Protein backbone atom coordinates (compact mmCIF):
# COMPACT_ATOMS: atom_id res chain seq x y z
CA MET A 1 -73.22 16.95 3.14
CA ALA A 2 -70.37 17.34 0.70
CA GLU A 3 -69.43 14.53 -1.64
CA LYS A 4 -66.07 12.94 -0.99
CA LEU A 5 -65.14 13.05 -4.67
CA VAL A 6 -66.73 14.52 -7.78
CA ILE A 7 -65.42 13.58 -11.24
CA ILE A 8 -66.25 15.83 -14.20
CA GLY A 9 -66.06 14.15 -17.59
CA SER A 10 -67.00 10.93 -19.34
CA GLY A 11 -64.04 9.77 -21.40
CA PRO A 12 -61.39 7.13 -20.61
CA ALA A 13 -59.82 9.31 -17.91
CA ALA A 14 -63.11 9.94 -16.09
CA TRP A 15 -64.34 6.35 -16.14
CA THR A 16 -60.97 4.91 -15.12
CA ALA A 17 -60.84 7.37 -12.23
CA ALA A 18 -64.37 6.35 -11.28
CA ILE A 19 -63.49 2.65 -11.34
CA TYR A 20 -60.50 3.12 -9.04
CA ALA A 21 -62.29 5.59 -6.77
CA SER A 22 -65.32 3.31 -6.42
CA ARG A 23 -63.17 0.33 -5.52
CA ALA A 24 -61.47 2.53 -2.91
CA ALA A 25 -64.90 3.20 -1.32
CA LEU A 26 -64.83 6.92 -2.19
CA GLU A 27 -68.38 6.72 -3.61
CA PRO A 28 -67.57 9.06 -6.54
CA LEU A 29 -70.21 11.16 -8.27
CA VAL A 30 -69.58 11.57 -12.01
CA TYR A 31 -70.98 14.45 -14.04
CA GLU A 32 -70.83 12.91 -17.50
CA GLY A 33 -72.23 15.90 -19.41
CA ALA A 34 -75.64 16.85 -20.74
CA ILE A 35 -77.25 15.38 -23.84
CA SER A 36 -77.81 18.62 -25.74
CA GLU A 37 -77.46 20.10 -29.21
CA HIS A 38 -74.77 22.43 -27.86
CA ASN A 39 -72.65 19.49 -26.71
CA ARG A 40 -73.31 17.60 -29.94
CA CYS A 41 -71.91 20.48 -31.98
CA LEU A 42 -68.87 20.74 -29.71
CA GLY A 43 -68.29 17.00 -29.67
CA THR A 44 -68.70 16.92 -25.88
CA LEU A 45 -71.63 14.56 -25.49
CA PRO A 46 -71.36 11.85 -22.80
CA LEU A 47 -68.74 9.13 -23.38
CA GLY A 48 -66.18 11.51 -24.86
CA GLN A 49 -64.33 11.54 -28.17
CA LEU A 50 -64.04 7.77 -28.39
CA ASN A 51 -67.81 7.63 -28.70
CA LEU A 52 -67.34 9.46 -32.02
CA THR A 53 -64.70 7.12 -33.43
CA THR A 54 -64.92 3.85 -35.29
CA GLU A 55 -62.62 0.90 -34.59
CA VAL A 56 -60.01 1.37 -31.86
CA GLU A 57 -56.96 -0.77 -32.64
CA ASN A 58 -54.41 0.46 -30.09
CA PHE A 59 -56.14 -0.01 -26.74
CA PRO A 60 -54.47 -2.96 -24.94
CA GLY A 61 -56.59 -6.05 -24.37
CA PHE A 62 -58.47 -5.96 -27.68
CA PRO A 63 -56.23 -7.69 -30.26
CA ASP A 64 -58.98 -7.60 -32.90
CA GLY A 65 -59.89 -4.01 -32.12
CA ILE A 66 -63.06 -2.65 -30.56
CA MET A 67 -65.55 0.02 -31.62
CA GLY A 68 -65.07 3.29 -29.73
CA PRO A 69 -68.66 3.53 -28.42
CA GLU A 70 -68.56 -0.07 -27.20
CA LEU A 71 -65.30 0.54 -25.33
CA MET A 72 -66.72 3.60 -23.60
CA LEU A 73 -69.93 1.84 -22.62
CA LYS A 74 -67.92 -1.01 -21.12
CA MET A 75 -65.87 1.47 -19.06
CA ARG A 76 -69.05 3.19 -17.87
CA GLU A 77 -70.67 -0.13 -16.94
CA GLN A 78 -67.56 -1.18 -15.05
CA ALA A 79 -67.64 2.04 -13.04
CA THR A 80 -71.32 1.66 -12.14
CA ARG A 81 -70.76 -1.97 -11.18
CA PHE A 82 -68.59 -0.78 -8.29
CA GLY A 83 -71.04 1.89 -7.17
CA THR A 84 -70.25 5.01 -9.21
CA ARG A 85 -73.20 7.41 -9.32
CA ILE A 86 -73.81 9.39 -12.51
CA VAL A 87 -75.48 12.71 -13.27
CA THR A 88 -76.12 13.45 -16.95
CA GLU A 89 -75.56 17.20 -16.71
CA ASP A 90 -72.69 19.62 -17.35
CA ILE A 91 -70.89 21.44 -14.58
CA ALA A 92 -71.48 25.07 -15.56
CA GLU A 93 -69.69 26.89 -12.73
CA VAL A 94 -67.16 26.04 -10.03
CA ASP A 95 -65.86 27.88 -6.98
CA LEU A 96 -62.46 26.52 -6.03
CA SER A 97 -61.83 29.23 -3.42
CA ARG A 98 -64.18 27.58 -0.91
CA ARG A 99 -63.83 24.41 1.12
CA PRO A 100 -65.55 22.17 0.25
CA PHE A 101 -65.56 23.12 -3.43
CA VAL A 102 -68.92 24.32 -4.77
CA MET A 103 -70.24 23.57 -8.26
CA LYS A 104 -73.43 24.41 -10.14
CA ASP A 105 -74.66 22.05 -12.86
CA SER A 106 -76.55 22.86 -16.06
CA TYR A 107 -79.84 22.09 -14.30
CA GLY A 108 -79.09 24.71 -11.65
CA GLU A 109 -78.37 22.24 -8.84
CA LEU A 110 -75.48 22.86 -6.43
CA VAL A 111 -73.06 20.18 -5.31
CA GLU A 112 -70.16 20.34 -2.86
CA ALA A 113 -67.06 18.16 -2.97
CA GLU A 114 -64.06 17.60 -0.74
CA ALA A 115 -61.97 16.61 -3.79
CA LEU A 116 -62.41 17.10 -7.52
CA ILE A 117 -61.09 15.33 -10.61
CA ILE A 118 -61.38 17.26 -13.88
CA ALA A 119 -61.39 14.99 -16.92
CA THR A 120 -63.38 17.03 -19.42
CA GLY A 121 -61.23 16.31 -22.46
CA ALA A 122 -60.84 18.64 -25.43
CA SER A 123 -63.01 19.85 -28.33
CA ALA A 124 -62.33 20.01 -32.05
CA ASN A 125 -60.79 23.17 -33.52
CA TYR A 126 -62.13 24.90 -36.61
CA LEU A 127 -60.39 27.14 -39.16
CA GLY A 128 -62.04 30.33 -37.94
CA LEU A 129 -63.44 31.44 -41.31
CA ALA A 130 -66.70 33.37 -41.42
CA SER A 131 -67.81 31.24 -44.35
CA GLU A 132 -66.97 28.10 -42.37
CA GLU A 133 -69.26 29.24 -39.57
CA GLN A 134 -72.01 29.95 -42.10
CA TYR A 135 -71.99 26.36 -43.37
CA LYS A 136 -71.32 24.59 -40.06
CA ASN A 137 -73.79 21.68 -39.88
CA HIS A 138 -74.69 22.47 -43.49
CA GLY A 139 -71.68 20.71 -45.00
CA VAL A 140 -68.93 21.70 -42.56
CA SER A 141 -68.22 19.17 -39.80
CA ALA A 142 -65.49 18.17 -37.37
CA CYS A 143 -66.73 14.62 -36.88
CA ALA A 144 -66.69 12.15 -39.75
CA VAL A 145 -68.28 9.38 -37.70
CA CYS A 146 -71.13 11.67 -36.66
CA ASP A 147 -71.94 13.01 -40.11
CA GLY A 148 -70.04 11.11 -42.81
CA ALA A 149 -72.77 8.59 -43.59
CA LEU A 150 -75.42 11.24 -44.20
CA PRO A 151 -77.09 10.99 -47.63
CA ARG A 152 -75.79 14.44 -48.64
CA PHE A 153 -72.19 13.14 -48.53
CA ARG A 154 -72.64 9.73 -50.17
CA ASN A 155 -70.85 9.29 -53.51
CA GLN A 156 -69.81 12.95 -53.40
CA PRO A 157 -66.35 14.61 -53.31
CA LEU A 158 -65.37 15.62 -49.78
CA VAL A 159 -62.59 17.78 -48.33
CA VAL A 160 -60.58 16.81 -45.23
CA VAL A 161 -58.36 19.49 -43.67
CA GLY A 162 -55.40 18.52 -41.48
CA GLY A 163 -52.09 16.69 -41.33
CA GLY A 164 -52.20 14.51 -38.23
CA ASP A 165 -53.67 11.18 -37.16
CA SER A 166 -57.12 12.74 -36.82
CA ALA A 167 -57.12 13.85 -40.45
CA ALA A 168 -55.83 10.46 -41.59
CA GLU A 169 -58.52 8.64 -39.63
CA GLU A 170 -61.28 10.99 -40.78
CA GLY A 171 -60.22 10.63 -44.40
CA SER A 172 -59.99 6.84 -44.23
CA TYR A 173 -63.43 6.61 -42.68
CA LEU A 174 -65.02 9.02 -45.16
CA SER A 175 -63.56 7.14 -48.13
CA LYS A 176 -66.19 4.46 -47.50
CA PHE A 177 -68.88 6.94 -48.54
CA ALA A 178 -67.25 9.61 -50.72
CA SER A 179 -66.41 9.47 -54.41
CA VAL A 180 -63.08 11.22 -53.73
CA ILE A 181 -61.31 12.68 -50.69
CA HIS A 182 -59.40 15.94 -51.15
CA LEU A 183 -56.84 15.97 -48.32
CA VAL A 184 -55.70 19.57 -47.70
CA HIS A 185 -52.56 20.22 -45.65
CA ARG A 186 -50.41 23.32 -45.29
CA ARG A 187 -47.16 21.33 -45.46
CA GLU A 188 -45.62 18.88 -47.94
CA THR A 189 -46.02 15.74 -45.84
CA LEU A 190 -48.30 14.40 -43.12
CA ASN A 191 -45.62 15.31 -40.61
CA ARG A 192 -47.92 15.19 -37.60
CA ALA A 193 -49.39 11.77 -38.37
CA SER A 194 -47.96 8.45 -37.23
CA PRO A 195 -46.26 6.54 -40.09
CA ILE A 196 -48.89 3.79 -40.20
CA MET A 197 -51.79 6.26 -40.38
CA ALA A 198 -50.05 8.42 -42.98
CA ARG A 199 -49.34 5.40 -45.16
CA ARG A 200 -52.90 4.14 -44.82
CA ILE A 201 -54.51 7.39 -45.97
CA LEU A 202 -52.03 8.13 -48.77
CA ASP A 203 -52.30 4.59 -50.16
CA ASN A 204 -56.07 4.95 -50.41
CA PRO A 205 -56.94 5.26 -54.12
CA LYS A 206 -59.78 7.68 -53.35
CA VAL A 207 -57.49 10.20 -51.65
CA GLN A 208 -56.00 13.17 -53.54
CA PRO A 209 -53.57 15.21 -51.39
CA HIS A 210 -53.24 18.98 -51.85
CA TRP A 211 -49.90 19.95 -50.29
CA ASN A 212 -48.82 23.44 -49.15
CA SER A 213 -52.44 24.53 -49.29
CA VAL A 214 -55.05 26.07 -47.01
CA VAL A 215 -58.79 26.59 -47.29
CA GLU A 216 -59.28 30.29 -47.98
CA GLU A 217 -63.07 30.24 -48.18
CA VAL A 218 -65.95 27.79 -47.92
CA LEU A 219 -68.32 28.12 -50.86
CA GLY A 220 -72.01 27.39 -50.94
CA ASP A 221 -75.51 28.18 -52.04
CA THR A 222 -79.05 28.41 -50.68
CA ILE A 223 -81.48 25.66 -51.61
CA THR A 224 -85.22 25.26 -51.16
CA THR A 225 -86.30 22.55 -48.72
CA PRO A 226 -89.21 20.15 -49.42
CA LEU A 227 -91.37 22.19 -47.02
CA GLY A 228 -90.76 25.38 -48.96
CA GLY A 229 -88.13 26.93 -46.72
CA THR A 230 -84.51 27.64 -47.54
CA THR A 231 -81.26 26.36 -46.11
CA PRO A 232 -77.55 26.97 -46.85
CA THR A 233 -75.57 24.11 -48.36
CA LEU A 234 -71.84 23.75 -49.02
CA THR A 235 -70.83 23.34 -52.67
CA GLY A 236 -67.03 23.55 -52.50
CA VAL A 237 -63.97 25.31 -51.12
CA ARG A 238 -61.42 27.78 -52.45
CA LEU A 239 -57.81 26.76 -51.80
CA LYS A 240 -54.71 28.92 -51.69
CA ASN A 241 -51.29 27.48 -52.39
CA LEU A 242 -48.92 28.89 -49.78
CA LYS A 243 -45.87 28.59 -52.05
CA THR A 244 -47.23 30.06 -55.27
CA GLY A 245 -50.10 32.18 -53.95
CA GLU A 246 -52.38 30.68 -56.60
CA THR A 247 -56.00 29.91 -55.78
CA SER A 248 -58.17 27.08 -57.03
CA THR A 249 -61.69 25.81 -56.44
CA LEU A 250 -62.66 22.30 -55.43
CA LYS A 251 -66.22 21.09 -55.82
CA ALA A 252 -67.32 19.24 -52.71
CA ALA A 253 -70.43 18.35 -50.76
CA GLY A 254 -68.69 18.60 -47.42
CA MET A 255 -65.60 19.77 -45.54
CA PHE A 256 -64.35 17.88 -42.49
CA VAL A 257 -61.92 19.78 -40.25
CA ALA A 258 -59.33 17.75 -38.33
CA ILE A 259 -56.78 20.26 -36.99
CA GLY A 260 -56.56 19.50 -33.32
CA HIS A 261 -58.47 20.27 -30.17
CA THR A 262 -58.95 22.88 -27.45
CA PRO A 263 -59.17 21.72 -23.82
CA ASN A 264 -62.63 21.93 -22.27
CA ALA A 265 -61.66 24.08 -19.30
CA LYS A 266 -63.62 27.28 -19.89
CA PHE A 267 -66.03 26.51 -17.03
CA LEU A 268 -63.11 26.81 -14.60
CA ASN A 269 -62.97 30.54 -15.32
CA GLY A 270 -59.21 30.73 -14.88
CA GLN A 271 -59.14 29.27 -11.37
CA LEU A 272 -56.47 26.72 -12.28
CA LYS A 273 -53.11 27.41 -13.90
CA THR A 274 -52.99 26.51 -17.60
CA ASP A 275 -50.41 26.64 -20.37
CA ASP A 276 -50.60 29.02 -23.33
CA GLN A 277 -52.93 26.62 -25.16
CA GLY A 278 -55.33 26.35 -22.23
CA PHE A 279 -54.35 22.88 -21.04
CA ILE A 280 -54.40 22.50 -17.25
CA LYS A 281 -50.87 22.58 -15.82
CA LEU A 282 -49.94 19.79 -13.46
CA ALA A 283 -48.12 20.94 -10.34
CA ASP A 284 -46.04 17.75 -10.43
CA PRO A 285 -45.46 16.22 -13.89
CA PHE A 286 -45.46 12.73 -12.37
CA ARG A 287 -48.78 13.20 -10.60
CA THR A 288 -52.18 14.75 -11.38
CA THR A 289 -52.11 17.58 -8.85
CA THR A 290 -53.02 21.07 -10.02
CA SER A 291 -52.43 24.61 -8.75
CA VAL A 292 -55.33 24.18 -6.28
CA GLU A 293 -54.90 21.61 -3.54
CA GLY A 294 -57.56 18.92 -3.72
CA VAL A 295 -58.20 19.43 -7.44
CA PHE A 296 -56.75 16.84 -9.81
CA ALA A 297 -56.73 16.73 -13.62
CA ALA A 298 -56.56 13.78 -16.01
CA GLY A 299 -56.81 13.06 -19.71
CA ASP A 300 -56.75 15.39 -22.69
CA VAL A 301 -57.72 18.48 -20.68
CA ALA A 302 -54.27 18.26 -19.07
CA ASP A 303 -52.31 16.55 -21.85
CA PRO A 304 -51.04 18.72 -24.73
CA THR A 305 -48.59 16.02 -25.86
CA TYR A 306 -50.02 12.52 -26.16
CA LYS A 307 -53.83 12.79 -26.27
CA GLN A 308 -54.40 9.03 -26.51
CA ALA A 309 -57.12 6.89 -24.92
CA ILE A 310 -54.59 4.74 -23.07
CA THR A 311 -52.66 7.70 -21.64
CA ALA A 312 -55.96 9.30 -20.58
CA ALA A 313 -56.98 6.09 -18.82
CA GLY A 314 -53.59 5.93 -17.09
CA MET A 315 -53.97 9.52 -15.91
CA GLY A 316 -57.45 8.70 -14.64
CA CYS A 317 -56.00 5.90 -12.53
CA LYS A 318 -53.35 8.23 -11.15
CA ALA A 319 -55.92 10.94 -10.40
CA ALA A 320 -58.08 8.54 -8.38
CA LEU A 321 -55.08 7.30 -6.40
CA ASP A 322 -53.87 10.87 -5.83
CA ALA A 323 -57.34 11.91 -4.66
CA GLU A 324 -57.67 8.90 -2.37
CA ARG A 325 -54.32 9.55 -0.70
CA TRP A 326 -55.00 13.28 -0.38
CA LEU A 327 -58.39 12.65 1.24
CA ALA A 328 -56.87 10.07 3.62
CA HIS A 329 -54.15 12.53 4.59
CA LYS A 330 -56.68 15.30 5.24
């Protein structure tokens, strides 16, 4: 028998949708994602991006702030309290041309659903350099909270690339461990960051901004491990000044990339309409309907503008209500 409602994702949008759907007696089944090295590298482990952040200060109801992982666990617990069922696997394939919809998970199991909510979020972008790929997980990271406290980065100079809130937050967090933070941005100001976050990072005495600059190459070496093997390790970056064309080298033990995200919609294989960045297009901007009837989208996977926890949660609420009303109508 087909499920009434399947929710794919495990961030604020997914758990809020699950809470509302459970309370509406839809008995939702949530695919929260697999615990795998692949998902760790992509930043798509269960509980979403907030599970990789530190203190969350702008989610209503927590005047003293709350740690990101704690907030996500509370949302998950609230959903299960009302009867949400959870599968800790990815959805690898979907067929939206059939009724009910058919999906295959990463374990090879098939599931059918009358309605579907996609809340898979978005993954961190990288610079696209061959040298960056070479030193990924060997000094190059896109998650300060995941990797910043590692011994290799402590009391060492670190590079943070980006000009938005993510870069400001990553730099502020890393300053607790690093000797100096080299903040690299292609413009002259942190134009994409909120004023409070920009002020916080630039007022940090450990932060040295490098304006109008880009990372041209990641530099490194090969070292011998205690067991006699070898491994690559990052030793610095080469910068290029976009105004003068001059290049310079910064010594660093790590480079943290914070330049935005790509929506996690590849598994849909083009079956839903998306914008030119890959974000799912909503058929009605005031609702969560998509180009396929019975499929709803919520959170960062369908939000190229705001990408905040509270807006994702709000979209999750809307998606559950939209799905409930659609199912009742059908």
